[in-house]
């Protein structure tokens, strides 16, 4: 769970919350498999992906602003910053894939 604090709690905690909601909706969908549940899981999964990318863009805008004011930036610092910046979109993509997998499972189980 260290990656949640590394990726920035402002974006990573809501993404974790969205993942938990998607899992709960999937469990609910196993009992009552409706089209509404499918659409909700798909929408939340897509929102998670876009929200993660938004976290990256906002973080990189701030980082690029700081870099433009600095005189000498070590490549190791820059690479470390990009690594940290890519945590939220990666987590968003994982949530998106989980949501899509859940939708595929629910669709295949539908009568």
N, C-alpha and C. Protein backbone atom coordinates (compact mmCIF):
# COMPACT_ATOMS: atom_id res chain seq x y z
N UNK A 1 0.81 -1.19 0.00
CA UNK A 1 0.00 0.00 0.00
C UNK A 1 0.86 1.26 0.00
N UNK A 2 2.15 1.10 -0.01
CA UNK A 2 3.03 2.26 -0.03
C UNK A 2 2.88 3.06 -1.32
N UNK A 3 2.52 2.40 -2.41
CA UNK A 3 2.38 3.11 -3.68
C UNK A 3 1.24 4.12 -3.63
N UNK A 4 0.27 3.93 -2.74
CA UNK A 4 -0.83 4.89 -2.64
C UNK A 4 -0.31 6.20 -2.07
N UNK A 5 0.53 6.15 -1.07
CA UNK A 5 1.09 7.38 -0.52
C UNK A 5 2.14 7.97 -1.46
N UNK A 6 2.88 7.12 -2.16
CA UNK A 6 3.88 7.62 -3.11
C UNK A 6 3.22 8.33 -4.28
N UNK A 7 2.10 7.81 -4.76
CA UNK A 7 1.42 8.38 -5.92
C UNK A 7 0.64 9.63 -5.62
N UNK A 8 0.55 9.99 -4.35
CA UNK A 8 -0.18 11.18 -3.95
C UNK A 8 -1.57 10.82 -3.49
N UNK A 9 -1.84 11.01 -2.20
CA UNK A 9 -3.13 10.60 -1.66
C UNK A 9 -4.31 11.37 -2.25
N UNK A 10 -4.07 12.55 -2.81
CA UNK A 10 -5.17 13.34 -3.37
C UNK A 10 -5.83 12.60 -4.54
N UNK A 11 -5.06 11.85 -5.30
CA UNK A 11 -5.62 11.10 -6.42
C UNK A 11 -5.72 9.61 -6.14
N UNK A 12 -4.80 9.06 -5.36
CA UNK A 12 -4.77 7.62 -5.17
C UNK A 12 -5.87 7.12 -4.22
N UNK A 13 -6.20 7.88 -3.20
CA UNK A 13 -7.25 7.45 -2.27
C UNK A 13 -8.62 7.42 -2.97
N UNK A 14 -8.99 8.47 -3.73
CA UNK A 14 -10.26 8.34 -4.48
C UNK A 14 -10.25 7.18 -5.48
N UNK A 15 -9.10 6.91 -6.10
CA UNK A 15 -9.02 5.77 -7.02
C UNK A 15 -9.23 4.45 -6.27
N UNK A 16 -8.64 4.34 -5.09
CA UNK A 16 -8.83 3.14 -4.28
C UNK A 16 -10.30 3.00 -3.88
N UNK A 17 -10.93 4.12 -3.54
CA UNK A 17 -12.35 4.11 -3.19
C UNK A 17 -13.19 3.67 -4.38
N UNK A 18 -12.86 4.16 -5.57
CA UNK A 18 -13.59 3.75 -6.77
C UNK A 18 -13.43 2.25 -7.03
N UNK A 19 -12.23 1.73 -6.79
CA UNK A 19 -12.01 0.30 -6.98
C UNK A 19 -12.87 -0.51 -6.01
N UNK A 20 -12.96 -0.06 -4.77
CA UNK A 20 -13.78 -0.76 -3.78
C UNK A 20 -15.25 -0.72 -4.19
N UNK A 21 -15.71 0.43 -4.69
CA UNK A 21 -17.10 0.55 -5.14
C UNK A 21 -17.37 -0.39 -6.32
N UNK A 22 -16.42 -0.49 -7.24
CA UNK A 22 -16.58 -1.38 -8.39
C UNK A 22 -16.66 -2.84 -7.93
N UNK A 23 -15.83 -3.20 -6.96
CA UNK A 23 -15.88 -4.58 -6.44
C UNK A 23 -17.22 -4.85 -5.76
N UNK A 24 -17.73 -3.89 -5.00
CA UNK A 24 -19.03 -4.05 -4.35
C UNK A 24 -20.14 -4.18 -5.39
N UNK A 25 -20.07 -3.35 -6.44
CA UNK A 25 -21.07 -3.46 -7.51
C UNK A 25 -21.00 -4.81 -8.22
N UNK A 26 -19.79 -5.33 -8.40
CA UNK A 26 -19.64 -6.65 -9.02
C UNK A 26 -20.29 -7.72 -8.14
N UNK A 27 -20.04 -7.65 -6.82
CA UNK A 27 -20.65 -8.62 -5.91
C UNK A 27 -22.17 -8.50 -5.95
N UNK A 28 -22.66 -7.26 -6.02
CA UNK A 28 -24.10 -7.04 -6.14
C UNK A 28 -24.61 -7.59 -7.47
N UNK A 29 -23.82 -7.43 -8.53
CA UNK A 29 -24.20 -7.92 -9.84
C UNK A 29 -24.24 -9.43 -9.93
N UNK A 30 -23.46 -10.09 -9.10
CA UNK A 30 -23.51 -11.55 -9.09
C UNK A 30 -24.85 -12.05 -8.57
N UNK A 31 -25.45 -11.27 -7.65
CA UNK A 31 -26.76 -11.64 -7.11
C UNK A 31 -27.90 -11.16 -8.00
N UNK A 32 -27.80 -9.91 -8.46
CA UNK A 32 -28.86 -9.30 -9.26
C UNK A 32 -28.22 -8.70 -10.51
N UNK A 33 -28.11 -9.49 -11.55
CA UNK A 33 -27.39 -9.12 -12.76
C UNK A 33 -28.28 -8.26 -13.67
N UNK A 34 -28.11 -6.92 -13.55
CA UNK A 34 -28.93 -6.01 -14.35
C UNK A 34 -28.04 -5.17 -15.26
N UNK A 35 -28.67 -4.60 -16.27
CA UNK A 35 -27.97 -3.72 -17.21
C UNK A 35 -27.46 -2.46 -16.50
N UNK A 36 -28.21 -2.01 -15.51
CA UNK A 36 -27.81 -0.81 -14.76
C UNK A 36 -26.46 -1.04 -14.06
N UNK A 37 -26.29 -2.22 -13.49
CA UNK A 37 -25.03 -2.55 -12.82
C UNK A 37 -23.89 -2.57 -13.82
N UNK A 38 -24.10 -3.13 -15.01
CA UNK A 38 -23.07 -3.17 -16.05
C UNK A 38 -22.65 -1.76 -16.43
N UNK A 39 -23.64 -0.90 -16.68
CA UNK A 39 -23.34 0.48 -17.10
C UNK A 39 -22.62 1.25 -16.00
N UNK A 40 -23.03 1.02 -14.76
CA UNK A 40 -22.40 1.72 -13.65
C UNK A 40 -20.95 1.29 -13.48
N UNK A 41 -20.69 0.00 -13.57
CA UNK A 41 -19.30 -0.49 -13.48
C UNK A 41 -18.47 0.07 -14.62
N UNK A 42 -19.01 0.05 -15.84
CA UNK A 42 -18.28 0.60 -16.99
C UNK A 42 -17.99 2.09 -16.81
N UNK A 43 -18.97 2.84 -16.35
CA UNK A 43 -18.79 4.28 -16.16
C UNK A 43 -17.75 4.58 -15.09
N UNK A 44 -17.83 3.87 -13.98
CA UNK A 44 -16.86 4.10 -12.90
C UNK A 44 -15.45 3.67 -13.31
N UNK A 45 -15.36 2.60 -14.09
CA UNK A 45 -14.05 2.15 -14.55
C UNK A 45 -13.42 3.19 -15.48
N UNK A 46 -14.21 3.71 -16.40
CA UNK A 46 -13.69 4.75 -17.31
C UNK A 46 -13.33 6.02 -16.55
N UNK A 47 -14.18 6.39 -15.58
CA UNK A 47 -13.88 7.57 -14.76
C UNK A 47 -12.56 7.38 -14.01
N UNK A 48 -12.31 6.17 -13.50
CA UNK A 48 -11.07 5.89 -12.79
C UNK A 48 -9.86 6.11 -13.68
N UNK A 49 -9.96 5.62 -14.91
CA UNK A 49 -8.84 5.79 -15.85
C UNK A 49 -8.58 7.27 -16.13
N UNK A 50 -9.63 8.00 -16.42
CA UNK A 50 -9.48 9.43 -16.75
C UNK A 50 -9.01 10.21 -15.53
N UNK A 51 -9.50 9.86 -14.36
CA UNK A 51 -9.09 10.53 -13.13
C UNK A 51 -7.61 10.29 -12.86
N UNK A 52 -7.12 9.09 -13.11
CA UNK A 52 -5.70 8.80 -12.95
C UNK A 52 -4.84 9.60 -13.92
N UNK A 53 -5.29 9.72 -15.15
CA UNK A 53 -4.56 10.52 -16.14
C UNK A 53 -4.57 11.99 -15.74
N UNK A 54 -5.69 12.47 -15.20
CA UNK A 54 -5.76 13.85 -14.72
C UNK A 54 -4.74 14.08 -13.62
N UNK A 55 -4.58 13.12 -12.71
CA UNK A 55 -3.57 13.23 -11.67
C UNK A 55 -2.17 13.35 -12.24
N UNK A 56 -1.90 12.59 -13.28
CA UNK A 56 -0.59 12.67 -13.93
C UNK A 56 -0.37 14.04 -14.57
N UNK A 57 -1.37 14.52 -15.28
CA UNK A 57 -1.24 15.81 -15.98
C UNK A 57 -1.04 16.94 -14.98
N UNK A 58 -1.82 16.97 -13.92
CA UNK A 58 -1.67 18.02 -12.91
C UNK A 58 -0.31 17.93 -12.24
N UNK A 59 0.11 16.72 -11.91
CA UNK A 59 1.43 16.55 -11.30
C UNK A 59 2.56 16.97 -12.21
N UNK A 60 2.46 16.63 -13.49
CA UNK A 60 3.52 16.99 -14.43
C UNK A 60 3.54 18.50 -14.70
N UNK A 61 2.38 19.13 -14.71
CA UNK A 61 2.36 20.59 -14.88
C UNK A 61 3.09 21.27 -13.74
N UNK A 62 2.85 20.80 -12.51
CA UNK A 62 3.56 21.36 -11.36
C UNK A 62 5.05 21.06 -11.42
N UNK A 63 5.40 19.84 -11.82
CA UNK A 63 6.81 19.46 -11.90
C UNK A 63 7.53 20.27 -12.98
N UNK A 64 6.89 20.42 -14.13
CA UNK A 64 7.53 21.19 -15.20
C UNK A 64 7.69 22.66 -14.82
N UNK A 65 6.75 23.18 -14.06
CA UNK A 65 6.89 24.55 -13.57
C UNK A 65 8.08 24.67 -12.64
N UNK A 66 8.25 23.69 -11.74
CA UNK A 66 9.40 23.71 -10.84
C UNK A 66 10.71 23.54 -11.60
N UNK A 67 10.72 22.68 -12.61
CA UNK A 67 11.93 22.44 -13.39
C UNK A 67 12.32 23.70 -14.15
N UNK A 68 11.33 24.45 -14.65
CA UNK A 68 11.64 25.66 -15.41
C UNK A 68 12.28 26.73 -14.53
N UNK A 69 12.03 26.69 -13.21
CA UNK A 69 12.62 27.67 -12.30
C UNK A 69 13.96 27.20 -11.74
N UNK A 70 14.27 25.92 -11.86
CA UNK A 70 15.52 25.37 -11.32
C UNK A 70 16.63 25.51 -12.35
N UNK A 71 17.83 25.63 -11.86
CA UNK A 71 18.99 25.77 -12.75
C UNK A 71 19.55 24.43 -13.18
N UNK A 72 19.61 23.48 -12.26
CA UNK A 72 20.29 22.23 -12.56
C UNK A 72 19.48 21.08 -11.95
N UNK A 73 18.91 20.26 -12.81
CA UNK A 73 18.12 19.11 -12.36
C UNK A 73 18.86 17.83 -12.75
N UNK A 74 19.10 16.98 -11.77
CA UNK A 74 19.77 15.71 -12.03
C UNK A 74 18.80 14.78 -12.77
N UNK A 75 19.31 14.01 -13.73
CA UNK A 75 18.44 13.08 -14.45
C UNK A 75 17.77 12.05 -13.53
N UNK A 76 18.45 11.68 -12.45
CA UNK A 76 17.88 10.73 -11.52
C UNK A 76 16.64 11.30 -10.84
N UNK A 77 16.67 12.59 -10.52
CA UNK A 77 15.52 13.25 -9.89
C UNK A 77 14.36 13.32 -10.88
N UNK A 78 14.67 13.64 -12.11
CA UNK A 78 13.65 13.73 -13.15
C UNK A 78 13.00 12.36 -13.39
N UNK A 79 13.81 11.33 -13.49
CA UNK A 79 13.29 9.98 -13.71
C UNK A 79 12.44 9.52 -12.51
N UNK A 80 12.89 9.82 -11.31
CA UNK A 80 12.11 9.47 -10.11
C UNK A 80 10.78 10.19 -10.08
N UNK A 81 10.76 11.45 -10.51
CA UNK A 81 9.52 12.21 -10.57
C UNK A 81 8.54 11.62 -11.57
N UNK A 82 9.04 11.23 -12.74
CA UNK A 82 8.16 10.60 -13.74
C UNK A 82 7.61 9.27 -13.23
N UNK A 83 8.45 8.51 -12.52
CA UNK A 83 8.01 7.23 -11.97
C UNK A 83 6.86 7.45 -10.98
N UNK A 84 7.02 8.41 -10.09
CA UNK A 84 5.97 8.72 -9.12
C UNK A 84 4.73 9.25 -9.83
N UNK A 85 4.94 10.09 -10.85
CA UNK A 85 3.82 10.67 -11.59
C UNK A 85 3.00 9.64 -12.33
N UNK A 86 3.63 8.57 -12.75
CA UNK A 86 2.91 7.54 -13.52
C UNK A 86 2.15 6.54 -12.65
N UNK A 87 2.25 6.66 -11.33
CA UNK A 87 1.54 5.73 -10.45
C UNK A 87 0.02 5.91 -10.55
N UNK A 88 -0.46 7.14 -10.56
CA UNK A 88 -1.92 7.31 -10.59
C UNK A 88 -2.55 6.88 -11.91
N UNK A 89 -1.97 7.20 -13.09
CA UNK A 89 -2.60 6.67 -14.29
C UNK A 89 -2.49 5.15 -14.40
N UNK A 90 -1.41 4.58 -13.88
CA UNK A 90 -1.27 3.12 -13.90
C UNK A 90 -2.34 2.47 -13.02
N UNK A 91 -2.55 3.02 -11.85
CA UNK A 91 -3.58 2.50 -10.96
C UNK A 91 -4.97 2.68 -11.58
N UNK A 92 -5.18 3.82 -12.24
CA UNK A 92 -6.44 4.03 -12.95
C UNK A 92 -6.65 3.01 -14.06
N UNK A 93 -5.59 2.67 -14.79
CA UNK A 93 -5.70 1.67 -15.85
C UNK A 93 -6.01 0.29 -15.28
N UNK A 94 -5.38 -0.05 -14.16
CA UNK A 94 -5.65 -1.34 -13.52
C UNK A 94 -7.11 -1.42 -13.09
N UNK A 95 -7.62 -0.34 -12.50
CA UNK A 95 -9.02 -0.31 -12.09
C UNK A 95 -9.93 -0.42 -13.32
N UNK A 96 -9.57 0.26 -14.39
CA UNK A 96 -10.34 0.18 -15.64
C UNK A 96 -10.40 -1.25 -16.14
N UNK A 97 -9.26 -1.93 -16.15
CA UNK A 97 -9.22 -3.32 -16.62
C UNK A 97 -10.01 -4.25 -15.71
N UNK A 98 -9.93 -4.02 -14.41
CA UNK A 98 -10.72 -4.82 -13.47
C UNK A 98 -12.21 -4.62 -13.72
N UNK A 99 -12.61 -3.36 -13.90
CA UNK A 99 -14.01 -3.07 -14.18
C UNK A 99 -14.49 -3.71 -15.47
N UNK A 100 -13.67 -3.66 -16.49
CA UNK A 100 -14.04 -4.29 -17.77
C UNK A 100 -14.12 -5.81 -17.62
N UNK A 101 -13.20 -6.40 -16.88
CA UNK A 101 -13.24 -7.84 -16.64
C UNK A 101 -14.52 -8.22 -15.89
N UNK A 102 -14.87 -7.43 -14.88
CA UNK A 102 -16.11 -7.70 -14.15
C UNK A 102 -17.32 -7.60 -15.06
N UNK A 103 -17.33 -6.62 -15.96
CA UNK A 103 -18.44 -6.46 -16.90
C UNK A 103 -18.52 -7.66 -17.84
N UNK A 104 -17.39 -8.12 -18.31
CA UNK A 104 -17.36 -9.30 -19.20
C UNK A 104 -17.91 -10.51 -18.46
N UNK A 105 -17.51 -10.69 -17.20
CA UNK A 105 -17.99 -11.83 -16.42
C UNK A 105 -19.50 -11.73 -16.22
N UNK A 106 -19.98 -10.54 -15.85
CA UNK A 106 -21.42 -10.38 -15.63
C UNK A 106 -22.20 -10.57 -16.92
N UNK A 107 -21.67 -10.11 -18.04
CA UNK A 107 -22.35 -10.27 -19.32
C UNK A 107 -22.42 -11.75 -19.70
N UNK A 108 -21.36 -12.47 -19.46
CA UNK A 108 -21.35 -13.90 -19.81
C UNK A 108 -22.30 -14.72 -18.92
N UNK A 109 -22.55 -14.21 -17.71
CA UNK A 109 -23.44 -14.92 -16.79
C UNK A 109 -24.91 -14.57 -17.00
N UNK A 110 -25.16 -13.51 -17.77
CA UNK A 110 -26.54 -13.06 -17.98
C UNK A 110 -27.31 -14.09 -18.79
N UNK A 111 -28.55 -14.29 -18.40
CA UNK A 111 -29.38 -15.31 -19.06
C UNK A 111 -30.09 -14.76 -20.26
